[in-house]
Amino acid sequence: MSKHAVRARAGHDRTNLYDEITDKIIAELEAGRVPWVQLWGTAAAKAPLAMPKNASTDRFYSGINVLLLWGSTIENGFTGQSWLTFRQTLSLGGHVRRGERGTTVVYADRFVPSDEKRRAAEAGQEAQAIPFLKRFTVFNCDQCDQLPDEIATAAPLPPPGLIEPTVEALIKATGITFHIGGDRAFYVPAEDYVQVPPPQAYFEPINWHRTALHELGHATGHRSRLNRDQNGSYGTKKYAFEELVAELAAAFGCASLGIVPTVRHSDYIGSWVDVLRNDKRAIVRAASQASKAADYLLGFVPDIAPAVAAETMVDEPESARRLASPC
């Protein structure tokens, strides 16, 4: 097969993967279900609320993989959030049960083809990297037998009494200007401050903490922090995209801290669907930026900061990079 044919096929596979992921998320949203909060805290959710992790490396998944693995956990009724590749299962002395179907996760990265390097060198320009996705299959530990006890056992949830103080300590540690008052929660990019109504304005105290994490998610996008594009005016696709990033960042942060995520702006669901329909890569970009936002905030909580700083795909990144090299 020629180099051109290989690249064309790889591009087609990548497009199909973006389509598959986006179509699945859109179907959930159109059915009135939000994949990053669906069923958590109800009897239907058997697994404890947590960020999914690789049971062999102890590293947490991030970005779009969190949504894919959460969705699979709920859909299949798994009782834990630990995952392994087929080979990792064998290396731990276990095996995947016959007939079990794995869950697709992805590794995202960028590479510069040889032709582009030559073109850039001849033109005296900077070579342009090309984004790619590579799919892998993982299995929940519920689908495996004969794993070591310490692998198969789910980590305990944080004590409830420590959750609220942790969020409040995080707020102070970020150094982000945080006002309490008024009757609306918002972030002002131009002046770089968050405002949230007082806790007594919320029916449940934990809702104040959820709201704070959402608005702080917006604040991570300031040019002095993660420098996201926050210039979209209300009602635009750019504005809806930023809201999606903040929603996901809050969900990831909540799950890491033991708080059941909620949808803070359910009226944006229609605009999120429009964004995803118009750009099949939008949900992957939004989830990636949300992971960076959540990691930024959680970095101010020393006990969990190292655990969440994981790559998009943590199982076999070096092999994925080799596969991404020009043929």
C-alpha atoms as a PDB file:
ATOM      1  CA  MET A   1       0.000   0.000   0.000  1.00  0.00           C
ATOM      2  CA  SER A   2       1.368   3.440  -0.948  1.00  0.00           C
ATOM      3  CA  LYS A   3       2.172   6.141   1.605  1.00  0.00           C
ATOM      4  CA  HIS A   4      -0.640   8.247   0.171  1.00  0.00           C
ATOM      5  CA  ALA A   5      -3.140   5.399   0.571  1.00  0.00           C
ATOM      6  CA  VAL A   6      -2.009   4.716   4.131  1.00  0.00           C
ATOM      7  CA  ARG A   7      -2.416   8.385   5.086  1.00  0.00           C
ATOM      8  CA  ALA A   8      -5.800   8.581   3.368  1.00  0.00           C
ATOM      9  CA  ARG A   9      -6.995   5.516   5.235  1.00  0.00           C
ATOM     10  CA  ALA A  10      -5.669   6.861   8.541  1.00  0.00           C
ATOM     11  CA  GLY A  11      -7.488  10.135   7.914  1.00  0.00           C
ATOM     12  CA  HIS A  12     -10.709   8.267   7.132  1.00  0.00           C
ATOM     13  CA  ASP A  13     -10.411   6.164  10.310  1.00  0.00           C
ATOM     14  CA  ARG A  14      -9.763   9.302  12.358  1.00  0.00           C
ATOM     15  CA  THR A  15     -12.813  11.021  10.871  1.00  0.00           C
ATOM     16  CA  ASN A  16     -14.963   7.966  11.599  1.00  0.00           C
ATOM     17  CA  LEU A  17     -13.759   7.946  15.199  1.00  0.00           C
ATOM     18  CA  TYR A  18     -14.622  11.619  15.685  1.00  0.00           C
ATOM     19  CA  ASP A  19     -18.027  10.921  14.116  1.00  0.00           C
ATOM     20  CA  GLU A  20     -18.675   7.916  16.355  1.00  0.00           C
ATOM     21  CA  ILE A  21     -17.835   9.809  19.532  1.00  0.00           C
ATOM     22  CA  THR A  22     -19.777  12.929  18.562  1.00  0.00           C
ATOM     23  CA  ASP A  23     -22.860  11.051  17.358  1.00  0.00           C
ATOM     24  CA  LYS A  24     -23.005   9.112  20.620  1.00  0.00           C
ATOM     25  CA  ILE A  25     -22.814  12.295  22.733  1.00  0.00           C
ATOM     26  CA  ILE A  26     -25.432  14.042  20.554  1.00  0.00           C
ATOM     27  CA  ALA A  27     -27.814  11.078  20.865  1.00  0.00           C
ATOM     28  CA  GLU A  28     -27.527  11.239  24.652  1.00  0.00           C
ATOM     29  CA  LEU A  29     -28.129  15.003  24.752  1.00  0.00           C
ATOM     30  CA  GLU A  30     -31.120  14.775  22.397  1.00  0.00           C
ATOM     31  CA  ALA A  31     -32.599  12.070  24.612  1.00  0.00           C
ATOM     32  CA  GLY A  32     -32.430  14.492  27.530  1.00  0.00           C
ATOM     33  CA  ARG A  33     -29.478  12.768  29.163  1.00  0.00           C
ATOM     34  CA  VAL A  34     -26.233  14.584  29.902  1.00  0.00           C
ATOM     35  CA  PRO A  35     -23.410  12.010  29.687  1.00  0.00           C
ATOM     36  CA  TRP A  36     -21.215  13.629  32.327  1.00  0.00           C
ATOM     37  CA  VAL A  37     -23.906  13.674  35.022  1.00  0.00           C
ATOM     38  CA  GLN A  38     -26.297  10.907  33.949  1.00  0.00           C
ATOM     39  CA  LEU A  39     -27.598   8.742  36.791  1.00  0.00           C
ATOM     40  CA  TRP A  40     -24.820   9.558  39.263  1.00  0.00           C
ATOM     41  CA  GLY A  41     -26.148   9.472  42.793  1.00  0.00           C
ATOM     42  CA  THR A  42     -29.126   7.252  41.876  1.00  0.00           C
ATOM     43  CA  ALA A  43     -29.798   3.582  42.489  1.00  0.00           C
ATOM     44  CA  ALA A  44     -29.071   2.921  38.803  1.00  0.00           C
ATOM     45  CA  ALA A  45     -25.406   3.835  39.247  1.00  0.00           C
ATOM     46  CA  LYS A  46     -23.615   0.850  40.774  1.00  0.00           C
ATOM     47  CA  ALA A  47     -20.082   2.248  40.609  1.00  0.00           C
ATOM     48  CA  PRO A  48     -18.943   4.878  43.100  1.00  0.00           C
ATOM     49  CA  LEU A  49     -18.552   8.351  41.652  1.00  0.00           C
ATOM     50  CA  ALA A  50     -14.912   8.755  40.669  1.00  0.00           C
ATOM     51  CA  MET A  51     -12.614   9.553  37.787  1.00  0.00           C
ATOM     52  CA  PRO A  52     -11.865   6.400  35.771  1.00  0.00           C
ATOM     53  CA  LYS A  53      -8.305   5.152  36.071  1.00  0.00           C
ATOM     54  CA  ASN A  54      -5.999   2.550  34.620  1.00  0.00           C
ATOM     55  CA  ALA A  55      -5.691  -0.196  37.236  1.00  0.00           C
ATOM     56  CA  SER A  56      -2.189  -1.183  36.115  1.00  0.00           C
ATOM     57  CA  THR A  57      -0.557   2.256  36.066  1.00  0.00           C
ATOM     58  CA  ASP A  58      -2.795   3.952  38.682  1.00  0.00           C
ATOM     59  CA  ARG A  59      -3.083   6.921  36.361  1.00  0.00           C
ATOM     60  CA  PHE A  60      -6.395   8.618  35.696  1.00  0.00           C
ATOM     61  CA  TYR A  61      -7.920   8.971  32.254  1.00  0.00           C
ATOM     62  CA  SER A  62      -8.709  12.465  31.039  1.00  0.00           C
ATOM     63  CA  GLY A  63     -10.474  14.359  28.283  1.00  0.00           C
ATOM     64  CA  ILE A  64     -12.983  12.552  26.094  1.00  0.00           C
ATOM     65  CA  ASN A  65     -11.965   9.210  27.650  1.00  0.00           C
ATOM     66  CA  VAL A  66     -13.650  10.208  30.902  1.00  0.00           C
ATOM     67  CA  LEU A  67     -16.981  10.589  29.097  1.00  0.00           C
ATOM     68  CA  LEU A  68     -16.513   7.350  27.145  1.00  0.00           C
ATOM     69  CA  LEU A  69     -15.662   5.336  30.254  1.00  0.00           C
ATOM     70  CA  TRP A  70     -18.354   6.930  32.432  1.00  0.00           C
ATOM     71  CA  GLY A  71     -20.889   6.125  29.721  1.00  0.00           C
ATOM     72  CA  SER A  72     -19.747   2.507  29.508  1.00  0.00           C
ATOM     73  CA  THR A  73     -19.817   2.164  33.311  1.00  0.00           C
ATOM     74  CA  ILE A  74     -23.430   3.340  33.467  1.00  0.00           C
ATOM     75  CA  GLU A  75     -24.549   1.418  30.360  1.00  0.00           C
ATOM     76  CA  ASN A  76     -23.096  -1.883  31.566  1.00  0.00           C
ATOM     77  CA  GLY A  77     -23.746  -1.495  35.278  1.00  0.00           C
ATOM     78  CA  PHE A  78     -20.094  -1.877  36.264  1.00  0.00           C
ATOM     79  CA  THR A  79     -19.339  -1.584  39.972  1.00  0.00           C
ATOM     80  CA  GLY A  80     -15.976   0.157  39.668  1.00  0.00           C
ATOM     81  CA  GLN A  81     -14.049   2.727  37.639  1.00  0.00           C
ATOM     82  CA  SER A  82     -10.846   0.727  37.050  1.00  0.00           C
ATOM     83  CA  TRP A  83      -9.808  -0.352  33.543  1.00  0.00           C
ATOM     84  CA  LEU A  84      -7.128  -2.468  31.856  1.00  0.00           C
ATOM     85  CA  THR A  85      -6.005  -3.320  28.354  1.00  0.00           C
ATOM     86  CA  PHE A  86      -6.089  -7.001  27.397  1.00  0.00           C
ATOM     87  CA  ARG A  87      -2.313  -7.283  27.729  1.00  0.00           C
ATOM     88  CA  GLN A  88      -2.257  -5.487  31.076  1.00  0.00           C
ATOM     89  CA  THR A  89      -4.821  -7.953  32.409  1.00  0.00           C
ATOM     90  CA  LEU A  90      -2.583 -10.867  31.429  1.00  0.00           C
ATOM     91  CA  SER A  91       0.516  -9.183  32.884  1.00  0.00           C
ATOM     92  CA  LEU A  92      -1.274  -8.957  36.246  1.00  0.00           C
ATOM     93  CA  GLY A  93      -2.040 -12.676  36.234  1.00  0.00           C
ATOM     94  CA  GLY A  94      -5.696 -12.301  35.273  1.00  0.00           C
ATOM     95  CA  HIS A  95      -7.712 -12.699  32.103  1.00  0.00           C
ATOM     96  CA  VAL A  96     -10.688 -11.111  30.361  1.00  0.00           C
ATOM     97  CA  ARG A  97     -13.703 -13.415  30.513  1.00  0.00           C
ATOM     98  CA  ARG A  98     -14.689 -15.022  27.236  1.00  0.00           C
ATOM     99  CA  GLY A  99     -17.389 -13.092  25.400  1.00  0.00           C
ATOM    100  CA  GLU A 100     -16.768  -9.751  27.135  1.00  0.00           C
ATOM    101  CA  ARG A 101     -16.771  -6.680  24.907  1.00  0.00           C
ATOM    102  CA  GLY A 102     -14.287  -3.916  25.563  1.00  0.00           C
ATOM    103  CA  THR A 103     -14.755  -0.143  25.553  1.00  0.00           C
ATOM    104  CA  THR A 104     -13.027   2.125  23.062  1.00  0.00           C
ATOM    105  CA  VAL A 105     -10.770   4.868  24.400  1.00  0.00           C
ATOM    106  CA  VAL A 106      -8.506   7.128  22.401  1.00  0.00           C
ATOM    107  CA  TYR A 107      -5.022   8.561  22.465  1.00  0.00           C
ATOM    108  CA  ALA A 108      -4.795  12.092  21.065  1.00  0.00           C
ATOM    109  CA  ASP A 109      -1.576  13.723  19.926  1.00  0.00           C
ATOM    110  CA  ARG A 110      -0.010  15.612  17.034  1.00  0.00           C
ATOM    111  CA  PHE A 111       2.792  14.727  14.609  1.00  0.00           C
ATOM    112  CA  VAL A 112       4.615  16.394  11.727  1.00  0.00           C
ATOM    113  CA  PRO A 113       4.782  14.322   8.492  1.00  0.00           C
ATOM    114  CA  SER A 114       8.123  14.140   6.679  1.00  0.00           C
ATOM    115  CA  ASP A 115       6.683  15.883   3.614  1.00  0.00           C
ATOM    116  CA  GLU A 116       5.551  18.799   5.783  1.00  0.00           C
ATOM    117  CA  LYS A 117       8.981  19.037   7.409  1.00  0.00           C
ATOM    118  CA  ARG A 118      10.615  19.237   3.959  1.00  0.00           C
ATOM    119  CA  ARG A 119       8.076  21.796   2.699  1.00  0.00           C
ATOM    120  CA  ALA A 120       8.556  23.989   5.772  1.00  0.00           C
ATOM    121  CA  ALA A 121      12.359  23.765   5.545  1.00  0.00           C
ATOM    122  CA  GLU A 122      12.332  24.758   1.862  1.00  0.00           C
ATOM    123  CA  ALA A 123       9.935  27.635   2.508  1.00  0.00           C
ATOM    124  CA  GLY A 124      11.691  28.788   5.673  1.00  0.00           C
ATOM    125  CA  GLN A 125       8.475  28.313   7.639  1.00  0.00           C
ATOM    126  CA  GLU A 126       7.475  26.455  10.785  1.00  0.00           C
ATOM    127  CA  ALA A 127       6.207  22.934  10.110  1.00  0.00           C
ATOM    128  CA  GLN A 128       2.530  22.414  10.891  1.00  0.00           C
ATOM    129  CA  ALA A 129       1.623  19.458  13.132  1.00  0.00           C
ATOM    130  CA  ILE A 130      -1.394  17.296  12.295  1.00  0.00           C
ATOM    131  CA  PRO A 131      -3.723  16.124  15.088  1.00  0.00           C
ATOM    132  CA  PHE A 132      -4.601  12.445  15.272  1.00  0.00           C
ATOM    133  CA  LEU A 133      -6.651  10.021  17.318  1.00  0.00           C
ATOM    134  CA  LYS A 134      -5.755   6.369  17.836  1.00  0.00           C
ATOM    135  CA  ARG A 135      -8.273   3.975  19.311  1.00  0.00           C
ATOM    136  CA  PHE A 136      -7.540   1.374  21.980  1.00  0.00           C
ATOM    137  CA  THR A 137      -9.745  -1.140  23.757  1.00  0.00           C
ATOM    138  CA  VAL A 138      -9.935  -1.420  27.539  1.00  0.00           C
ATOM    139  CA  PHE A 139     -11.913  -3.670  29.859  1.00  0.00           C
ATOM    140  CA  ASN A 140     -13.475  -2.840  33.178  1.00  0.00           C
ATOM    141  CA  CYS A 141     -12.076  -4.897  36.051  1.00  0.00           C
ATOM    142  CA  ASP A 142     -15.607  -6.315  36.457  1.00  0.00           C
ATOM    143  CA  GLN A 143     -15.011  -8.086  33.119  1.00  0.00           C
ATOM    144  CA  CYS A 144     -11.834  -9.779  34.313  1.00  0.00           C
ATOM    145  CA  ASP A 145     -11.096 -12.771  36.542  1.00  0.00           C
ATOM    146  CA  GLN A 146      -8.169 -13.730  38.776  1.00  0.00           C
ATOM    147  CA  LEU A 147      -6.887 -10.185  39.229  1.00  0.00           C
ATOM    148  CA  PRO A 148      -4.944  -9.426  42.434  1.00  0.00           C
ATOM    149  CA  ASP A 149      -7.222  -8.311  45.268  1.00  0.00           C
ATOM    150  CA  GLU A 150      -5.669  -4.848  45.443  1.00  0.00           C
ATOM    151  CA  ILE A 151      -6.449  -4.320  41.743  1.00  0.00           C
ATOM    152  CA  ALA A 152     -10.053  -5.477  41.887  1.00  0.00           C
ATOM    153  CA  THR A 153     -10.960  -3.473  45.002  1.00  0.00           C
ATOM    154  CA  ALA A 154     -12.415  -0.001  44.432  1.00  0.00           C
ATOM    155  CA  ALA A 155     -10.870   2.926  46.288  1.00  0.00           C
ATOM    156  CA  PRO A 156     -13.063   4.353  49.080  1.00  0.00           C
ATOM    157  CA  LEU A 157     -14.873   7.649  48.560  1.00  0.00           C
ATOM    158  CA  PRO A 158     -13.571  10.690  50.434  1.00  0.00           C
ATOM    159  CA  PRO A 159     -15.295  11.330  53.792  1.00  0.00           C
ATOM    160  CA  PRO A 160     -18.272  13.677  53.159  1.00  0.00           C
ATOM    161  CA  GLY A 161     -17.207  16.057  55.917  1.00  0.00           C
ATOM    162  CA  LEU A 162     -13.970  16.846  54.075  1.00  0.00           C
ATOM    163  CA  ILE A 163     -15.482  17.729  50.696  1.00  0.00           C
ATOM    164  CA  GLU A 164     -16.786  21.244  51.395  1.00  0.00           C
ATOM    165  CA  PRO A 165     -13.661  22.390  53.301  1.00  0.00           C
ATOM    166  CA  THR A 166     -11.510  21.082  50.432  1.00  0.00           C
ATOM    167  CA  VAL A 167     -13.420  23.146  47.860  1.00  0.00           C
ATOM    168  CA  GLU A 168     -13.229  26.222  50.066  1.00  0.00           C
ATOM    169  CA  ALA A 169      -9.484  25.756  50.516  1.00  0.00           C
ATOM    170  CA  LEU A 170      -9.126  25.325  46.746  1.00  0.00           C
ATOM    171  CA  ILE A 171     -10.967  28.623  46.134  1.00  0.00           C
ATOM    172  CA  LYS A 172      -8.582  30.502  48.395  1.00  0.00           C
ATOM    173  CA  ALA A 173      -5.470  28.769  47.078  1.00  0.00           C
ATOM    174  CA  THR A 174      -6.146  29.625  43.414  1.00  0.00           C
ATOM    175  CA  GLY A 175      -5.754  33.337  44.091  1.00  0.00           C
ATOM    176  CA  ILE A 176      -8.657  34.032  41.702  1.00  0.00           C
ATOM    177  CA  THR A 177     -10.713  37.014  42.894  1.00  0.00           C
ATOM    178  CA  PHE A 178     -13.894  35.461  44.284  1.00  0.00           C
ATOM    179  CA  HIS A 179     -16.852  37.633  45.366  1.00  0.00           C
ATOM    180  CA  ILE A 180     -19.845  36.274  47.303  1.00  0.00           C
ATOM    181  CA  GLY A 181     -23.113  38.161  46.829  1.00  0.00           C
ATOM    182  CA  GLY A 182     -25.927  39.052  44.473  1.00  0.00           C
ATOM    183  CA  ASP A 183     -28.411  36.617  42.952  1.00  0.00           C
ATOM    184  CA  ARG A 184     -26.425  35.374  39.944  1.00  0.00           C
ATOM    185  CA  ALA A 185     -23.272  33.319  39.458  1.00  0.00           C
ATOM    186  CA  PHE A 186     -20.892  34.495  36.738  1.00  0.00           C
ATOM    187  CA  TYR A 187     -17.315  35.112  35.673  1.00  0.00           C
ATOM    188  CA  VAL A 188     -16.156  38.413  34.147  1.00  0.00           C
ATOM    189  CA  PRO A 189     -13.152  37.774  31.845  1.00  0.00           C
ATOM    190  CA  ALA A 190     -12.327  41.449  31.323  1.00  0.00           C
ATOM    191  CA  GLU A 191     -11.947  42.046  35.061  1.00  0.00           C
ATOM    192  CA  ASP A 192     -10.986  38.475  35.946  1.00  0.00           C
ATOM    193  CA  TYR A 193     -13.269  37.812  38.879  1.00  0.00           C
ATOM    194  CA  VAL A 194     -15.896  35.252  39.886  1.00  0.00           C
ATOM    195  CA  GLN A 195     -19.095  36.101  41.714  1.00  0.00           C
ATOM    196  CA  VAL A 196     -21.382  33.524  43.325  1.00  0.00           C
ATOM    197  CA  PRO A 197     -24.506  34.139  45.480  1.00  0.00           C
ATOM    198  CA  PRO A 198     -24.137  33.361  49.206  1.00  0.00           C
ATOM    199  CA  PRO A 199     -24.426  29.697  50.263  1.00  0.00           C
ATOM    200  CA  GLN A 200     -27.778  30.291  51.976  1.00  0.00           C
ATOM    201  CA  ALA A 201     -29.277  31.096  48.551  1.00  0.00           C
ATOM    202  CA  TYR A 202     -28.898  27.434  47.579  1.00  0.00           C
ATOM    203  CA  PHE A 203     -31.328  24.708  48.574  1.00  0.00           C
ATOM    204  CA  GLU A 204     -28.423  22.336  49.256  1.00  0.00           C
ATOM    205  CA  PRO A 205     -25.053  23.664  50.471  1.00  0.00           C
ATOM    206  CA  ILE A 206     -23.176  21.372  48.069  1.00  0.00           C
ATOM    207  CA  ASN A 207     -24.831  23.211  45.142  1.00  0.00           C
ATOM    208  CA  TRP A 208     -22.872  26.305  46.144  1.00  0.00           C
ATOM    209  CA  HIS A 209     -19.657  24.325  45.834  1.00  0.00           C
ATOM    210  CA  ARG A 210     -20.697  22.884  42.454  1.00  0.00           C
ATOM    211  CA  THR A 211     -21.489  26.378  41.209  1.00  0.00           C
ATOM    212  CA  ALA A 212     -18.167  27.707  42.476  1.00  0.00           C
ATOM    213  CA  LEU A 213     -16.299  24.993  40.548  1.00  0.00           C
ATOM    214  CA  HIS A 214     -18.209  25.843  37.364  1.00  0.00           C
ATOM    215  CA  GLU A 215     -17.364  29.556  37.564  1.00  0.00           C
ATOM    216  CA  LEU A 216     -13.762  28.808  38.502  1.00  0.00           C
ATOM    217  CA  GLY A 217     -13.688  26.557  35.427  1.00  0.00           C
ATOM    218  CA  HIS A 218     -14.414  29.663  33.360  1.00  0.00           C
ATOM    219  CA  ALA A 219     -11.722  31.606  35.228  1.00  0.00           C
ATOM    220  CA  THR A 220      -9.039  29.078  34.240  1.00  0.00           C
ATOM    221  CA  GLY A 221      -9.436  30.324  30.677  1.00  0.00           C
ATOM    222  CA  HIS A 222      -8.073  33.778  31.495  1.00  0.00           C
ATOM    223  CA  ARG A 223      -5.011  34.758  29.433  1.00  0.00           C
ATOM    224  CA  SER A 224      -2.857  34.643  32.582  1.00  0.00           C
ATOM    225  CA  ARG A 225      -3.811  30.989  33.135  1.00  0.00           C
ATOM    226  CA  LEU A 226      -4.810  28.607  30.315  1.00  0.00           C
ATOM    227  CA  ASN A 227      -5.542  31.354  27.776  1.00  0.00           C
ATOM    228  CA  ARG A 228      -8.730  30.030  26.141  1.00  0.00           C
ATOM    229  CA  ASP A 229     -10.727  32.073  23.650  1.00  0.00           C
ATOM    230  CA  GLN A 230     -13.477  33.644  25.765  1.00  0.00           C
ATOM    231  CA  ASN A 231     -14.541  36.372  23.344  1.00  0.00           C
ATOM    232  CA  GLY A 232     -17.835  34.799  22.286  1.00  0.00           C
ATOM    233  CA  SER A 233     -20.932  36.855  23.028  1.00  0.00           C
ATOM    234  CA  TYR A 234     -24.057  35.297  24.540  1.00  0.00           C
ATOM    235  CA  GLY A 235     -25.928  33.091  22.077  1.00  0.00           C
ATOM    236  CA  THR A 236     -22.966  32.392  19.802  1.00  0.00           C
ATOM    237  CA  LYS A 237     -21.387  28.984  19.190  1.00  0.00           C
ATOM    238  CA  LYS A 238     -18.139  30.264  20.704  1.00  0.00           C
ATOM    239  CA  TYR A 239     -20.021  31.159  23.905  1.00  0.00           C
ATOM    240  CA  ALA A 240     -21.754  27.766  23.959  1.00  0.00           C
ATOM    241  CA  PHE A 241     -18.394  26.023  23.518  1.00  0.00           C
ATOM    242  CA  GLU A 242     -16.903  27.857  26.505  1.00  0.00           C
ATOM    243  CA  GLU A 243     -19.959  26.914  28.585  1.00  0.00           C
ATOM    244  CA  LEU A 244     -19.449  23.282  27.573  1.00  0.00           C
ATOM    245  CA  VAL A 245     -15.797  23.460  28.678  1.00  0.00           C
ATOM    246  CA  ALA A 246     -16.816  24.919  32.060  1.00  0.00           C
ATOM    247  CA  GLU A 247     -19.578  22.309  32.514  1.00  0.00           C
ATOM    248  CA  LEU A 248     -17.161  19.458  31.832  1.00  0.00           C
ATOM    249  CA  ALA A 249     -14.424  21.005  33.970  1.00  0.00           C
ATOM    250  CA  ALA A 250     -16.873  21.271  36.867  1.00  0.00           C
ATOM    251  CA  ALA A 251     -17.997  17.651  36.334  1.00  0.00           C
ATOM    252  CA  PHE A 252     -14.400  16.387  36.312  1.00  0.00           C
ATOM    253  CA  GLY A 253     -13.539  18.478  39.351  1.00  0.00           C
ATOM    254  CA  CYS A 254     -16.652  17.346  41.218  1.00  0.00           C
ATOM    255  CA  ALA A 255     -15.927  13.680  40.511  1.00  0.00           C
ATOM    256  CA  SER A 256     -12.339  14.061  41.694  1.00  0.00           C
ATOM    257  CA  LEU A 257     -13.538  15.635  44.938  1.00  0.00           C
ATOM    258  CA  GLY A 258     -16.426  13.224  45.595  1.00  0.00           C
ATOM    259  CA  ILE A 259     -19.243  15.608  44.586  1.00  0.00           C
ATOM    260  CA  VAL A 260     -22.033  14.320  42.329  1.00  0.00           C
ATOM    261  CA  PRO A 261     -21.941  16.558  39.201  1.00  0.00           C
ATOM    262  CA  THR A 262     -25.047  18.383  37.981  1.00  0.00           C
ATOM    263  CA  VAL A 263     -25.882  20.412  34.888  1.00  0.00           C
ATOM    264  CA  ARG A 264     -25.606  24.050  35.800  1.00  0.00           C
ATOM    265  CA  HIS A 265     -27.069  25.372  32.548  1.00  0.00           C
ATOM    266  CA  SER A 266     -29.503  22.812  31.121  1.00  0.00           C
ATOM    267  CA  ASP A 267     -30.915  25.470  28.789  1.00  0.00           C
ATOM    268  CA  TYR A 268     -27.625  25.330  26.863  1.00  0.00           C
ATOM    269  CA  ILE A 269     -28.135  21.702  25.777  1.00  0.00           C
ATOM    270  CA  GLY A 270     -29.653  22.718  22.432  1.00  0.00           C
ATOM    271  CA  SER A 271     -26.750  25.053  21.674  1.00  0.00           C
ATOM    272  CA  TRP A 272     -24.251  22.327  22.632  1.00  0.00           C
ATOM    273  CA  VAL A 273     -25.899  19.968  20.143  1.00  0.00           C
ATOM    274  CA  ASP A 274     -25.576  22.655  17.438  1.00  0.00           C
ATOM    275  CA  VAL A 275     -21.888  23.096  18.226  1.00  0.00           C
ATOM    276  CA  LEU A 276     -21.245  19.346  18.028  1.00  0.00           C
ATOM    277  CA  ARG A 277     -23.211  18.945  14.796  1.00  0.00           C
ATOM    278  CA  ASN A 278     -21.215  21.692  13.100  1.00  0.00           C
ATOM    279  CA  ASP A 279     -17.815  20.468  14.299  1.00  0.00           C
ATOM    280  CA  LYS A 280     -17.247  16.757  14.868  1.00  0.00           C
ATOM    281  CA  ARG A 281     -14.038  17.491  16.768  1.00  0.00           C
ATOM    282  CA  ALA A 282     -15.622  19.968  19.175  1.00  0.00           C
ATOM    283  CA  ILE A 283     -16.478  17.488  21.963  1.00  0.00           C
ATOM    284  CA  VAL A 284     -12.924  16.093  21.931  1.00  0.00           C
ATOM    285  CA  ARG A 285     -11.449  19.601  22.112  1.00  0.00           C
ATOM    286  CA  ALA A 286     -13.910  20.679  24.810  1.00  0.00           C
ATOM    287  CA  ALA A 287     -13.196  17.607  26.952  1.00  0.00           C
ATOM    288  CA  SER A 288      -9.438  18.094  26.530  1.00  0.00           C
ATOM    289  CA  GLN A 289      -9.638  21.754  27.555  1.00  0.00           C
ATOM    290  CA  ALA A 290     -11.940  20.836  30.437  1.00  0.00           C
ATOM    291  CA  SER A 291      -9.414  18.310  31.742  1.00  0.00           C
ATOM    292  CA  LYS A 292      -6.711  20.964  31.652  1.00  0.00           C
ATOM    293  CA  ALA A 293      -9.036  23.365  33.509  1.00  0.00           C
ATOM    294  CA  ALA A 294      -9.920  20.760  36.158  1.00  0.00           C
ATOM    295  CA  ASP A 295      -6.267  19.777  36.546  1.00  0.00           C
ATOM    296  CA  TYR A 296      -5.319  23.435  36.979  1.00  0.00           C
ATOM    297  CA  LEU A 297      -7.835  23.878  39.802  1.00  0.00           C
ATOM    298  CA  LEU A 298      -7.166  20.521  41.436  1.00  0.00           C
ATOM    299  CA  GLY A 299      -3.472  21.330  41.381  1.00  0.00           C
ATOM    300  CA  PHE A 300      -4.217  23.562  44.370  1.00  0.00           C
ATOM    301  CA  VAL A 301      -5.294  20.478  46.363  1.00  0.00           C
ATOM    302  CA  PRO A 302      -1.948  18.793  47.194  1.00  0.00           C
ATOM    303  CA  ASP A 303      -3.351  15.369  48.071  1.00  0.00           C
ATOM    304  CA  ILE A 304      -4.880  14.805  44.628  1.00  0.00           C
ATOM    305  CA  ALA A 305      -2.873  17.026  42.310  1.00  0.00           C
ATOM    306  CA  PRO A 306      -0.374  14.339  41.139  1.00  0.00           C
ATOM    307  CA  ALA A 307      -3.099  11.802  40.412  1.00  0.00           C
ATOM    308  CA  VAL A 308      -5.106  13.883  37.964  1.00  0.00           C
ATOM    309  CA  ALA A 309      -2.176  15.054  35.865  1.00  0.00           C
ATOM    310  CA  ALA A 310      -2.624  12.214  33.388  1.00  0.00           C
ATOM    311  CA  GLU A 311      -2.265  12.025  29.642  1.00  0.00           C
ATOM    312  CA  THR A 312      -5.286  11.731  27.402  1.00  0.00           C
ATOM    313  CA  MET A 313      -4.463   8.091  26.840  1.00  0.00           C
ATOM    314  CA  VAL A 314      -2.329   6.405  29.475  1.00  0.00           C
ATOM    315  CA  ASP A 315      -2.133   2.753  28.449  1.00  0.00           C
ATOM    316  CA  GLU A 316       0.513   2.597  25.740  1.00  0.00           C
ATOM    317  CA  PRO A 317       1.473   6.132  24.746  1.00  0.00           C
ATOM    318  CA  GLU A 318       4.873   5.274  23.289  1.00  0.00           C
ATOM    319  CA  SER A 319       3.413   2.695  20.902  1.00  0.00           C
ATOM    320  CA  ALA A 320       0.753   5.204  19.959  1.00  0.00           C
ATOM    321  CA  ARG A 321       3.433   7.765  19.122  1.00  0.00           C
ATOM    322  CA  ARG A 322       5.262   5.199  16.967  1.00  0.00           C
ATOM    323  CA  LEU A 323       2.047   4.442  15.098  1.00  0.00           C
ATOM    324  CA  ALA A 324       1.618   8.166  14.521  1.00  0.00           C
ATOM    325  CA  SER A 325       4.952   8.515  12.781  1.00  0.00           C
ATOM    326  CA  PRO A 326       4.957   8.959   8.984  1.00  0.00           C
ATOM    327  CA  CYS A 327       4.875   5.645   7.118  1.00  0.00           C
END
